[in-house]
Amino acid sequence: GMSAAQAEAGEDNLGAQAAAEGLDYR
């Protein structure tokens, strides 16, 4: 039930978390 903007922000956060562990994330 989130907005598209909220979903995209969540994906951006996950991308940053993955990058901090040396993982690639689209």
mmCIF file of all heavy atoms, coordinates in Angstrom:
data_MODEL
# 
_entry.id   MODEL 
# 
loop_
_atom_site.group_PDB 
_atom_site.id 
_atom_site.type_symbol 
_atom_site.label_atom_id 
_atom_site.label_alt_id 
_atom_site.label_comp_id 
_atom_site.label_asym_id 
_atom_site.label_entity_id 
_atom_site.label_seq_id 
_atom_site.pdbx_PDB_ins_code 
_atom_site.Cartn_x 
_atom_site.Cartn_y 
_atom_site.Cartn_z 
_atom_site.occupancy 
_atom_site.B_iso_or_equiv 
_atom_site.pdbx_formal_charge 
_atom_site.auth_seq_id 
_atom_site.auth_comp_id 
_atom_site.auth_asym_id 
_atom_site.auth_atom_id 
_atom_site.pdbx_PDB_model_num 
ATOM 1   N N   . GLY A 1 1  ? 0.784  -1.222 0.000   1.00 0.00 ? 1  GLY A N   1 
ATOM 2   C CA  . GLY A 1 1  ? 0.000  0.000  0.000   1.00 0.00 ? 1  GLY A CA  1 
ATOM 3   C C   . GLY A 1 1  ? 0.821  1.280  0.000   1.00 0.00 ? 1  GLY A C   1 
ATOM 4   O O   . GLY A 1 1  ? 0.339  2.341  0.407   1.00 0.00 ? 1  GLY A O   1 
ATOM 5   N N   . MET A 1 2  ? 2.056  1.197  -0.431  1.00 0.00 ? 2  MET A N   1 
ATOM 6   C CA  . MET A 1 2  ? 2.898  2.394  -0.477  1.00 0.00 ? 2  MET A CA  1 
ATOM 7   C C   . MET A 1 2  ? 2.808  3.064  -1.846  1.00 0.00 ? 2  MET A C   1 
ATOM 8   O O   . MET A 1 2  ? 2.360  2.455  -2.826  1.00 0.00 ? 2  MET A O   1 
ATOM 9   C CB  . MET A 1 2  ? 4.357  2.034  -0.158  1.00 0.00 ? 2  MET A CB  1 
ATOM 10  C CG  . MET A 1 2  ? 4.986  1.019  -1.082  1.00 0.00 ? 2  MET A CG  1 
ATOM 11  S SD  . MET A 1 2  ? 6.738  0.665  -0.669  1.00 0.00 ? 2  MET A SD  1 
ATOM 12  C CE  . MET A 1 2  ? 6.593  -0.104 0.937   1.00 0.00 ? 2  MET A CE  1 
ATOM 13  N N   . SER A 1 3  ? 3.246  4.304  -1.891  1.00 0.00 ? 3  SER A N   1 
ATOM 14  C CA  . SER A 1 3  ? 3.267  5.007  -3.171  1.00 0.00 ? 3  SER A CA  1 
ATOM 15  C C   . SER A 1 3  ? 4.468  4.555  -3.985  1.00 0.00 ? 3  SER A C   1 
ATOM 16  O O   . SER A 1 3  ? 5.416  3.957  -3.449  1.00 0.00 ? 3  SER A O   1 
ATOM 17  C CB  . SER A 1 3  ? 3.340  6.511  -2.938  1.00 0.00 ? 3  SER A CB  1 
ATOM 18  O OG  . SER A 1 3  ? 4.595  6.859  -2.378  1.00 0.00 ? 3  SER A OG  1 
ATOM 19  N N   . ALA A 1 4  ? 4.456  4.852  -5.269  1.00 0.00 ? 4  ALA A N   1 
ATOM 20  C CA  . ALA A 1 4  ? 5.591  4.507  -6.122  1.00 0.00 ? 4  ALA A CA  1 
ATOM 21  C C   . ALA A 1 4  ? 6.853  5.213  -5.635  1.00 0.00 ? 4  ALA A C   1 
ATOM 22  O O   . ALA A 1 4  ? 7.952  4.637  -5.642  1.00 0.00 ? 4  ALA A O   1 
ATOM 23  C CB  . ALA A 1 4  ? 5.293  4.879  -7.571  1.00 0.00 ? 4  ALA A CB  1 
ATOM 24  N N   . ALA A 1 5  ? 6.697  6.463  -5.181  1.00 0.00 ? 5  ALA A N   1 
ATOM 25  C CA  . ALA A 1 5  ? 7.851  7.214  -4.687  1.00 0.00 ? 5  ALA A CA  1 
ATOM 26  C C   . ALA A 1 5  ? 8.431  6.555  -3.433  1.00 0.00 ? 5  ALA A C   1 
ATOM 27  O O   . ALA A 1 5  ? 9.659  6.475  -3.274  1.00 0.00 ? 5  ALA A O   1 
ATOM 28  C CB  . ALA A 1 5  ? 7.447  8.659  -4.381  1.00 0.00 ? 5  ALA A CB  1 
ATOM 29  N N   . GLN A 1 6  ? 7.563  6.070  -2.561  1.00 0.00 ? 6  GLN A N   1 
ATOM 30  C CA  . GLN A 1 6  ? 8.030  5.379  -1.357  1.00 0.00 ? 6  GLN A CA  1 
ATOM 31  C C   . GLN A 1 6  ? 8.744  4.073  -1.713  1.00 0.00 ? 6  GLN A C   1 
ATOM 32  O O   . GLN A 1 6  ? 9.775  3.741  -1.127  1.00 0.00 ? 6  GLN A O   1 
ATOM 33  C CB  . GLN A 1 6  ? 6.854  5.099  -0.428  1.00 0.00 ? 6  GLN A CB  1 
ATOM 34  C CG  . GLN A 1 6  ? 6.279  6.325  0.254   1.00 0.00 ? 6  GLN A CG  1 
ATOM 35  C CD  . GLN A 1 6  ? 5.007  6.010  1.024   1.00 0.00 ? 6  GLN A CD  1 
ATOM 36  O OE1 . GLN A 1 6  ? 4.171  5.219  0.570   1.00 0.00 ? 6  GLN A OE1 1 
ATOM 37  N NE2 . GLN A 1 6  ? 4.857  6.620  2.190   1.00 0.00 ? 6  GLN A NE2 1 
ATOM 38  N N   . ALA A 1 7  ? 8.169  3.343  -2.672  1.00 0.00 ? 7  ALA A N   1 
ATOM 39  C CA  . ALA A 1 7  ? 8.786  2.087  -3.103  1.00 0.00 ? 7  ALA A CA  1 
ATOM 40  C C   . ALA A 1 7  ? 10.158 2.341  -3.716  1.00 0.00 ? 7  ALA A C   1 
ATOM 41  O O   . ALA A 1 7  ? 11.120 1.603  -3.446  1.00 0.00 ? 7  ALA A O   1 
ATOM 42  C CB  . ALA A 1 7  ? 7.877  1.363  -4.098  1.00 0.00 ? 7  ALA A CB  1 
ATOM 43  N N   . GLU A 1 8  ? 10.269 3.372  -4.535  1.00 0.00 ? 8  GLU A N   1 
ATOM 44  C CA  . GLU A 1 8  ? 11.555 3.696  -5.156  1.00 0.00 ? 8  GLU A CA  1 
ATOM 45  C C   . GLU A 1 8  ? 12.575 4.146  -4.116  1.00 0.00 ? 8  GLU A C   1 
ATOM 46  O O   . GLU A 1 8  ? 13.764 3.794  -4.207  1.00 0.00 ? 8  GLU A O   1 
ATOM 47  C CB  . GLU A 1 8  ? 11.347 4.777  -6.223  1.00 0.00 ? 8  GLU A CB  1 
ATOM 48  C CG  . GLU A 1 8  ? 10.597 4.257  -7.452  1.00 0.00 ? 8  GLU A CG  1 
ATOM 49  C CD  . GLU A 1 8  ? 10.268 5.360  -8.436  1.00 0.00 ? 8  GLU A CD  1 
ATOM 50  O OE1 . GLU A 1 8  ? 10.498 6.549  -8.092  1.00 0.00 ? 8  GLU A OE1 1 
ATOM 51  O OE2 . GLU A 1 8  ? 9.774  5.052  -9.538  1.00 0.00 ? 8  GLU A OE2 1 
ATOM 52  N N   . ALA A 1 9  ? 12.127 4.898  -3.120  1.00 0.00 ? 9  ALA A N   1 
ATOM 53  C CA  . ALA A 1 9  ? 13.038 5.326  -2.059  1.00 0.00 ? 9  ALA A CA  1 
ATOM 54  C C   . ALA A 1 9  ? 13.540 4.117  -1.271  1.00 0.00 ? 9  ALA A C   1 
ATOM 55  O O   . ALA A 1 9  ? 14.721 4.056  -0.883  1.00 0.00 ? 9  ALA A O   1 
ATOM 56  C CB  . ALA A 1 9  ? 12.335 6.309  -1.121  1.00 0.00 ? 9  ALA A CB  1 
ATOM 57  N N   . GLY A 1 10 ? 12.654 3.155  -1.037  1.00 0.00 ? 10 GLY A N   1 
ATOM 58  C CA  . GLY A 1 10 ? 13.058 1.937  -0.345  1.00 0.00 ? 10 GLY A CA  1 
ATOM 59  C C   . GLY A 1 10 ? 14.085 1.152  -1.141  1.00 0.00 ? 10 GLY A C   1 
ATOM 60  O O   . GLY A 1 10 ? 15.057 0.629  -0.567  1.00 0.00 ? 10 GLY A O   1 
ATOM 61  N N   . GLU A 1 11 ? 13.892 1.083  -2.449  1.00 0.00 ? 11 GLU A N   1 
ATOM 62  C CA  . GLU A 1 11 ? 14.859 0.388  -3.293  1.00 0.00 ? 11 GLU A CA  1 
ATOM 63  C C   . GLU A 1 11 ? 16.206 1.120  -3.309  1.00 0.00 ? 11 GLU A C   1 
ATOM 64  O O   . GLU A 1 11 ? 17.262 0.487  -3.307  1.00 0.00 ? 11 GLU A O   1 
ATOM 65  C CB  . GLU A 1 11 ? 14.312 0.266  -4.717  1.00 0.00 ? 11 GLU A CB  1 
ATOM 66  C CG  . GLU A 1 11 ? 13.266 -0.823 -4.891  1.00 0.00 ? 11 GLU A CG  1 
ATOM 67  C CD  . GLU A 1 11 ? 13.872 -2.200 -4.713  1.00 0.00 ? 11 GLU A CD  1 
ATOM 68  O OE1 . GLU A 1 11 ? 14.570 -2.684 -5.620  1.00 0.00 ? 11 GLU A OE1 1 
ATOM 69  O OE2 . GLU A 1 11 ? 13.664 -2.795 -3.632  1.00 0.00 ? 11 GLU A OE2 1 
ATOM 70  N N   . ASP A 1 12 ? 16.167 2.434  -3.287  1.00 0.00 ? 12 ASP A N   1 
ATOM 71  C CA  . ASP A 1 12 ? 17.415 3.201  -3.244  1.00 0.00 ? 12 ASP A CA  1 
ATOM 72  C C   . ASP A 1 12 ? 18.165 2.926  -1.940  1.00 0.00 ? 12 ASP A C   1 
ATOM 73  O O   . ASP A 1 12 ? 19.400 2.800  -1.933  1.00 0.00 ? 12 ASP A O   1 
ATOM 74  C CB  . ASP A 1 12 ? 17.122 4.700  -3.374  1.00 0.00 ? 12 ASP A CB  1 
ATOM 75  C CG  . ASP A 1 12 ? 16.658 5.091  -4.772  1.00 0.00 ? 12 ASP A CG  1 
ATOM 76  O OD1 . ASP A 1 12 ? 16.914 4.312  -5.719  1.00 0.00 ? 12 ASP A OD1 1 
ATOM 77  O OD2 . ASP A 1 12 ? 16.023 6.158  -4.910  1.00 0.00 ? 12 ASP A OD2 1 
ATOM 78  N N   . ASN A 1 13 ? 17.421 2.842  -0.849  1.00 0.00 ? 13 ASN A N   1 
ATOM 79  C CA  . ASN A 1 13 ? 18.045 2.537  0.442   1.00 0.00 ? 13 ASN A CA  1 
ATOM 80  C C   . ASN A 1 13 ? 18.668 1.148  0.425   1.00 0.00 ? 13 ASN A C   1 
ATOM 81  O O   . ASN A 1 13 ? 19.799 0.952  0.898   1.00 0.00 ? 13 ASN A O   1 
ATOM 82  C CB  . ASN A 1 13 ? 17.016 2.643  1.563   1.00 0.00 ? 13 ASN A CB  1 
ATOM 83  C CG  . ASN A 1 13 ? 17.592 2.239  2.904   1.00 0.00 ? 13 ASN A CG  1 
ATOM 84  O OD1 . ASN A 1 13 ? 18.590 2.778  3.360   1.00 0.00 ? 13 ASN A OD1 1 
ATOM 85  N ND2 . ASN A 1 13 ? 16.964 1.269  3.553   1.00 0.00 ? 13 ASN A ND2 1 
ATOM 86  N N   . LEU A 1 14 ? 17.946 0.184  -0.123  1.00 0.00 ? 14 LEU A N   1 
ATOM 87  C CA  . LEU A 1 14 ? 18.480 -1.171 -0.212  1.00 0.00 ? 14 LEU A CA  1 
ATOM 88  C C   . LEU A 1 14 ? 19.730 -1.214 -1.084  1.00 0.00 ? 14 LEU A C   1 
ATOM 89  O O   . LEU A 1 14 ? 20.686 -1.924 -0.786  1.00 0.00 ? 14 LEU A O   1 
ATOM 90  C CB  . LEU A 1 14 ? 17.415 -2.118 -0.774  1.00 0.00 ? 14 LEU A CB  1 
ATOM 91  C CG  . LEU A 1 14 ? 16.376 -2.603 0.231   1.00 0.00 ? 14 LEU A CG  1 
ATOM 92  C CD1 . LEU A 1 14 ? 15.161 -3.181 -0.480  1.00 0.00 ? 14 LEU A CD1 1 
ATOM 93  C CD2 . LEU A 1 14 ? 16.989 -3.631 1.163   1.00 0.00 ? 14 LEU A CD2 1 
ATOM 94  N N   . GLY A 1 15 ? 19.713 -0.445 -2.169  1.00 0.00 ? 15 GLY A N   1 
ATOM 95  C CA  . GLY A 1 15 ? 20.884 -0.380 -3.032  1.00 0.00 ? 15 GLY A CA  1 
ATOM 96  C C   . GLY A 1 15 ? 22.109 0.143  -2.286  1.00 0.00 ? 15 GLY A C   1 
ATOM 97  O O   . GLY A 1 15 ? 23.221 -0.365 -2.462  1.00 0.00 ? 15 GLY A O   1 
ATOM 98  N N   . ALA A 1 16 ? 21.892 1.132  -1.431  1.00 0.00 ? 16 ALA A N   1 
ATOM 99  C CA  . ALA A 1 16 ? 22.999 1.687  -0.649  1.00 0.00 ? 16 ALA A CA  1 
ATOM 100 C C   . ALA A 1 16 ? 23.500 0.679  0.387   1.00 0.00 ? 16 ALA A C   1 
ATOM 101 O O   . ALA A 1 16 ? 24.711 0.542  0.604   1.00 0.00 ? 16 ALA A O   1 
ATOM 102 C CB  . ALA A 1 16 ? 22.543 2.973  0.045   1.00 0.00 ? 16 ALA A CB  1 
ATOM 103 N N   . GLN A 1 17 ? 22.560 -0.033 1.021   1.00 0.00 ? 17 GLN A N   1 
ATOM 104 C CA  . GLN A 1 17 ? 22.938 -1.052 2.007   1.00 0.00 ? 17 GLN A CA  1 
ATOM 105 C C   . GLN A 1 17 ? 23.740 -2.172 1.341   1.00 0.00 ? 17 GLN A C   1 
ATOM 106 O O   . GLN A 1 17 ? 24.736 -2.657 1.894   1.00 0.00 ? 17 GLN A O   1 
ATOM 107 C CB  . GLN A 1 17 ? 21.681 -1.639 2.662   1.00 0.00 ? 17 GLN A CB  1 
ATOM 108 C CG  . GLN A 1 17 ? 20.852 -0.636 3.420   1.00 0.00 ? 17 GLN A CG  1 
ATOM 109 C CD  . GLN A 1 17 ? 21.229 -0.535 4.879   1.00 0.00 ? 17 GLN A CD  1 
ATOM 110 O OE1 . GLN A 1 17 ? 22.142 -1.206 5.346   1.00 0.00 ? 17 GLN A OE1 1 
ATOM 111 N NE2 . GLN A 1 17 ? 20.537 0.320  5.609   1.00 0.00 ? 17 GLN A NE2 1 
ATOM 112 N N   . ALA A 1 18 ? 23.295 -2.589 0.157   1.00 0.00 ? 18 ALA A N   1 
ATOM 113 C CA  . ALA A 1 18 ? 24.008 -3.642 -0.570  1.00 0.00 ? 18 ALA A CA  1 
ATOM 114 C C   . ALA A 1 18 ? 25.398 -3.175 -0.976  1.00 0.00 ? 18 ALA A C   1 
ATOM 115 O O   . ALA A 1 18 ? 26.387 -3.910 -0.832  1.00 0.00 ? 18 ALA A O   1 
ATOM 116 C CB  . ALA A 1 18 ? 23.203 -4.056 -1.803  1.00 0.00 ? 18 ALA A CB  1 
ATOM 117 N N   . ALA A 1 19 ? 25.487 -1.950 -1.467  1.00 0.00 ? 19 ALA A N   1 
ATOM 118 C CA  . ALA A 1 19 ? 26.778 -1.416 -1.898  1.00 0.00 ? 19 ALA A CA  1 
ATOM 119 C C   . ALA A 1 19 ? 27.769 -1.369 -0.741  1.00 0.00 ? 19 ALA A C   1 
ATOM 120 O O   . ALA A 1 19 ? 28.972 -1.607 -0.919  1.00 0.00 ? 19 ALA A O   1 
ATOM 121 C CB  . ALA A 1 19 ? 26.594 -0.027 -2.493  1.00 0.00 ? 19 ALA A CB  1 
ATOM 122 N N   . ALA A 1 20 ? 27.281 -1.082 0.457   1.00 0.00 ? 20 ALA A N   1 
ATOM 123 C CA  . ALA A 1 20 ? 28.149 -1.033 1.628   1.00 0.00 ? 20 ALA A CA  1 
ATOM 124 C C   . ALA A 1 20 ? 28.758 -2.393 1.944   1.00 0.00 ? 20 ALA A C   1 
ATOM 125 O O   . ALA A 1 20 ? 29.805 -2.473 2.585   1.00 0.00 ? 20 ALA A O   1 
ATOM 126 C CB  . ALA A 1 20 ? 27.369 -0.519 2.836   1.00 0.00 ? 20 ALA A CB  1 
ATOM 127 N N   . GLU A 1 21 ? 28.106 -3.448 1.476   1.00 0.00 ? 21 GLU A N   1 
ATOM 128 C CA  . GLU A 1 21 ? 28.631 -4.810 1.675   1.00 0.00 ? 21 GLU A CA  1 
ATOM 129 C C   . GLU A 1 21 ? 29.368 -5.330 0.449   1.00 0.00 ? 21 GLU A C   1 
ATOM 130 O O   . GLU A 1 21 ? 29.707 -6.508 0.368   1.00 0.00 ? 21 GLU A O   1 
ATOM 131 C CB  . GLU A 1 21 ? 27.475 -5.774 2.020   1.00 0.00 ? 21 GLU A CB  1 
ATOM 132 C CG  . GLU A 1 21 ? 26.645 -5.362 3.221   1.00 0.00 ? 21 GLU A CG  1 
ATOM 133 C CD  . GLU A 1 21 ? 27.470 -5.185 4.488   1.00 0.00 ? 21 GLU A CD  1 
ATOM 134 O OE1 . GLU A 1 21 ? 28.482 -5.913 4.643   1.00 0.00 ? 21 GLU A OE1 1 
ATOM 135 O OE2 . GLU A 1 21 ? 27.117 -4.331 5.316   1.00 0.00 ? 21 GLU A OE2 1 
ATOM 136 N N   . GLY A 1 22 ? 29.581 -4.446 -0.533  1.00 0.00 ? 22 GLY A N   1 
ATOM 137 C CA  . GLY A 1 22 ? 30.293 -4.846 -1.746  1.00 0.00 ? 22 GLY A CA  1 
ATOM 138 C C   . GLY A 1 22 ? 29.434 -5.598 -2.738  1.00 0.00 ? 22 GLY A C   1 
ATOM 139 O O   . GLY A 1 22 ? 29.959 -6.297 -3.617  1.00 0.00 ? 22 GLY A O   1 
ATOM 140 N N   . LEU A 1 23 ? 28.103 -5.438 -2.635  1.00 0.00 ? 23 LEU A N   1 
ATOM 141 C CA  . LEU A 1 23 ? 27.177 -6.157 -3.515  1.00 0.00 ? 23 LEU A CA  1 
ATOM 142 C C   . LEU A 1 23 ? 26.597 -5.218 -4.565  1.00 0.00 ? 23 LEU A C   1 
ATOM 143 O O   . LEU A 1 23 ? 26.272 -4.059 -4.278  1.00 0.00 ? 23 LEU A O   1 
ATOM 144 C CB  . LEU A 1 23 ? 26.023 -6.752 -2.699  1.00 0.00 ? 23 LEU A CB  1 
ATOM 145 C CG  . LEU A 1 23 ? 26.385 -7.734 -1.581  1.00 0.00 ? 23 LEU A CG  1 
ATOM 146 C CD1 . LEU A 1 23 ? 25.143 -8.065 -0.755  1.00 0.00 ? 23 LEU A CD1 1 
ATOM 147 C CD2 . LEU A 1 23 ? 27.000 -9.007 -2.159  1.00 0.00 ? 23 LEU A CD2 1 
ATOM 148 N N   . ASP A 1 24 ? 26.444 -5.727 -5.778  1.00 0.00 ? 24 ASP A N   1 
ATOM 149 C CA  . ASP A 1 24 ? 25.755 -4.973 -6.820  1.00 0.00 ? 24 ASP A CA  1 
ATOM 150 C C   . ASP A 1 24 ? 24.247 -5.117 -6.624  1.00 0.00 ? 24 ASP A C   1 
ATOM 151 O O   . ASP A 1 24 ? 23.752 -6.174 -6.206  1.00 0.00 ? 24 ASP A O   1 
ATOM 152 C CB  . ASP A 1 24 ? 26.136 -5.505 -8.199  1.00 0.00 ? 24 ASP A CB  1 
ATOM 153 C CG  . ASP A 1 24 ? 27.591 -5.231 -8.540  1.00 0.00 ? 24 ASP A CG  1 
ATOM 154 O OD1 . ASP A 1 24 ? 28.116 -4.200 -8.067  1.00 0.00 ? 24 ASP A OD1 1 
ATOM 155 O OD2 . ASP A 1 24 ? 28.204 -6.048 -9.250  1.00 0.00 ? 24 ASP A OD2 1 
ATOM 156 N N   . TYR A 1 25 ? 23.502 -4.047 -6.939  1.00 0.00 ? 25 TYR A N   1 
ATOM 157 C CA  . TYR A 1 25 ? 22.050 -4.060 -6.725  1.00 0.00 ? 25 TYR A CA  1 
ATOM 158 C C   . TYR A 1 25 ? 21.399 -3.098 -7.713  1.00 0.00 ? 25 TYR A C   1 
ATOM 159 O O   . TYR A 1 25 ? 21.714 -1.893 -7.716  1.00 0.00 ? 25 TYR A O   1 
ATOM 160 C CB  . TYR A 1 25 ? 21.734 -3.644 -5.294  1.00 0.00 ? 25 TYR A CB  1 
ATOM 161 C CG  . TYR A 1 25 ? 20.296 -3.823 -4.869  1.00 0.00 ? 25 TYR A CG  1 
ATOM 162 C CD1 . TYR A 1 25 ? 19.910 -4.930 -4.127  1.00 0.00 ? 25 TYR A CD1 1 
ATOM 163 C CD2 . TYR A 1 25 ? 19.325 -2.883 -5.200  1.00 0.00 ? 25 TYR A CD2 1 
ATOM 164 C CE1 . TYR A 1 25 ? 18.600 -5.112 -3.725  1.00 0.00 ? 25 TYR A CE1 1 
ATOM 165 C CE2 . TYR A 1 25 ? 18.006 -3.044 -4.810  1.00 0.00 ? 25 TYR A CE2 1 
ATOM 166 C CZ  . TYR A 1 25 ? 17.641 -4.148 -4.067  1.00 0.00 ? 25 TYR A CZ  1 
ATOM 167 O OH  . TYR A 1 25 ? 16.331 -4.314 -3.680  1.00 0.00 ? 25 TYR A OH  1 
ATOM 168 N N   . ARG A 1 26 ? 20.522 -3.619 -8.538  1.00 0.00 ? 26 ARG A N   1 
ATOM 169 C CA  . ARG A 1 26 ? 19.772 -2.790 -9.491  1.00 0.00 ? 26 ARG A CA  1 
ATOM 170 C C   . ARG A 1 26 ? 18.526 -2.256 -8.792  1.00 0.00 ? 26 ARG A C   1 
ATOM 171 O O   . ARG A 1 26 ? 17.640 -3.015 -8.416  1.00 0.00 ? 26 ARG A O   1 
ATOM 172 C CB  . ARG A 1 26 ? 19.378 -3.596 -10.718 1.00 0.00 ? 26 ARG A CB  1 
ATOM 173 C CG  . ARG A 1 26 ? 20.563 -4.066 -11.556 1.00 0.00 ? 26 ARG A CG  1 
ATOM 174 C CD  . ARG A 1 26 ? 20.106 -4.909 -12.740 1.00 0.00 ? 26 ARG A CD  1 
ATOM 175 N NE  . ARG A 1 26 ? 19.344 -4.132 -13.703 1.00 0.00 ? 26 ARG A NE  1 
ATOM 176 C CZ  . ARG A 1 26 ? 18.147 -4.461 -14.166 1.00 0.00 ? 26 ARG A CZ  1 
ATOM 177 N NH1 . ARG A 1 26 ? 17.537 -5.548 -13.742 1.00 0.00 ? 26 ARG A NH1 1 
ATOM 178 N NH2 . ARG A 1 26 ? 17.546 -3.692 -15.057 1.00 0.00 ? 26 ARG A NH2 1 
# 
